[in-house]
Amino acid sequence: MKKVHLVLKHKWYDMIASGVKQEEYRNNTPRYQDMLNNATHVVLHRGYTKTTLEKEIDNMRLGFGNPQWGAPEDSEVICIKLK
């Protein structure tokens, strides 16, 4: 089991914690490709606080995400679907 730690803005963290937001987005860069390769879980941090939430990764894909959930409208990102 490989865990990846991601820091989120409070708004996005709160939406995931409440069950509204079901995906997290990261830029499609070599850094994130390496970091997310073979990852099974993400540990989400609410900003730089001690508040965390661990979620299992359902799947990952390249594509366009939901702009209302923080995805850019003009570029493909890594979409991390959470269980």
Protein backbone atom coordinates (compact mmCIF):
# COMPACT_ATOMS: atom_id res chain seq x y z
CA MET A 1 0.00 0.00 0.00
CA LYS A 2 1.53 3.27 -1.15
CA LYS A 3 0.26 6.48 0.44
CA VAL A 4 0.73 9.91 -1.08
CA HIS A 5 0.39 13.09 0.99
CA LEU A 6 -1.35 16.05 -0.66
CA VAL A 7 -1.91 19.49 0.83
CA LEU A 8 -5.26 21.08 -0.06
CA LYS A 9 -6.80 24.47 0.43
CA HIS A 10 -9.39 24.46 3.22
CA LYS A 11 -12.24 24.87 0.72
CA TRP A 12 -11.34 21.73 -1.26
CA TYR A 13 -10.54 19.69 1.85
CA ASP A 14 -13.91 20.56 3.41
CA MET A 15 -15.75 19.63 0.20
CA ILE A 16 -14.04 16.21 0.11
CA ALA A 17 -14.62 15.61 3.82
CA SER A 18 -18.33 16.37 3.43
CA GLY A 19 -18.62 14.06 0.40
CA VAL A 20 -19.44 16.78 -2.14
CA LYS A 21 -16.15 16.65 -4.05
CA GLN A 22 -15.17 13.15 -5.19
CA GLU A 23 -12.02 13.93 -7.18
CA GLU A 24 -8.76 15.74 -6.58
CA TYR A 25 -6.72 17.27 -9.39
CA ARG A 26 -2.99 17.63 -9.89
CA ASN A 27 -1.02 19.08 -12.78
CA ASN A 28 0.22 16.54 -15.29
CA THR A 29 3.91 16.97 -14.51
CA PRO A 30 6.71 14.40 -14.11
CA ARG A 31 6.75 15.18 -10.38
CA TYR A 32 3.11 14.19 -9.87
CA GLN A 33 3.33 11.29 -12.31
CA ASP A 34 6.18 9.79 -10.26
CA MET A 35 4.52 10.60 -6.94
CA LEU A 36 1.18 9.06 -7.90
CA ASN A 37 2.58 6.04 -9.72
CA ASN A 38 1.29 2.86 -7.99
CA ALA A 39 -0.36 4.88 -5.20
CA THR A 40 -3.33 3.21 -3.54
CA HIS A 41 -4.25 5.85 -0.94
CA VAL A 42 -3.98 9.60 -0.50
CA VAL A 43 -3.59 11.40 2.81
CA LEU A 44 -5.21 14.78 2.40
CA HIS A 45 -4.00 17.63 4.58
CA ARG A 46 -6.22 20.62 5.36
CA GLY A 47 -3.69 23.29 4.51
CA TYR A 48 -0.60 23.08 6.67
CA THR A 49 -2.48 21.91 9.76
CA LYS A 50 -2.59 18.59 11.61
CA THR A 51 -6.07 17.88 10.21
CA THR A 52 -5.86 14.97 7.77
CA LEU A 53 -8.14 12.55 5.98
CA GLU A 54 -7.09 9.30 4.32
CA LYS A 55 -8.96 8.13 1.23
CA GLU A 56 -8.51 5.13 -1.03
CA ILE A 57 -7.89 5.87 -4.70
CA ASP A 58 -10.59 4.39 -6.93
CA ASN A 59 -8.80 5.26 -10.17
CA MET A 60 -6.66 7.89 -11.88
CA ARG A 61 -6.93 9.26 -15.38
CA LEU A 62 -5.71 12.10 -17.54
CA GLY A 63 -8.42 14.49 -18.58
CA PHE A 64 -10.43 17.57 -17.86
CA GLY A 65 -11.97 17.80 -14.42
CA ASN A 66 -14.83 19.77 -12.94
CA PRO A 67 -13.92 23.51 -12.83
CA GLN A 68 -16.30 23.96 -9.90
CA TRP A 69 -14.05 21.57 -7.96
CA GLY A 70 -10.84 23.42 -8.82
CA ALA A 71 -9.81 21.87 -12.14
CA PRO A 72 -8.41 24.26 -14.76
CA GLU A 73 -10.65 24.70 -17.79
CA ASP A 74 -7.88 24.90 -20.38
CA SER A 75 -5.52 22.01 -19.61
CA GLU A 76 -5.57 18.30 -18.88
CA VAL A 77 -4.81 17.24 -15.35
CA ILE A 78 -4.40 14.03 -13.39
CA CYS A 79 -7.87 13.28 -12.02
CA ILE A 80 -7.69 11.25 -8.82
CA LYS A 81 -11.07 9.59 -8.20
CA LEU A 82 -11.61 8.90 -4.49
CA LYS A 83 -13.64 6.08 -2.93
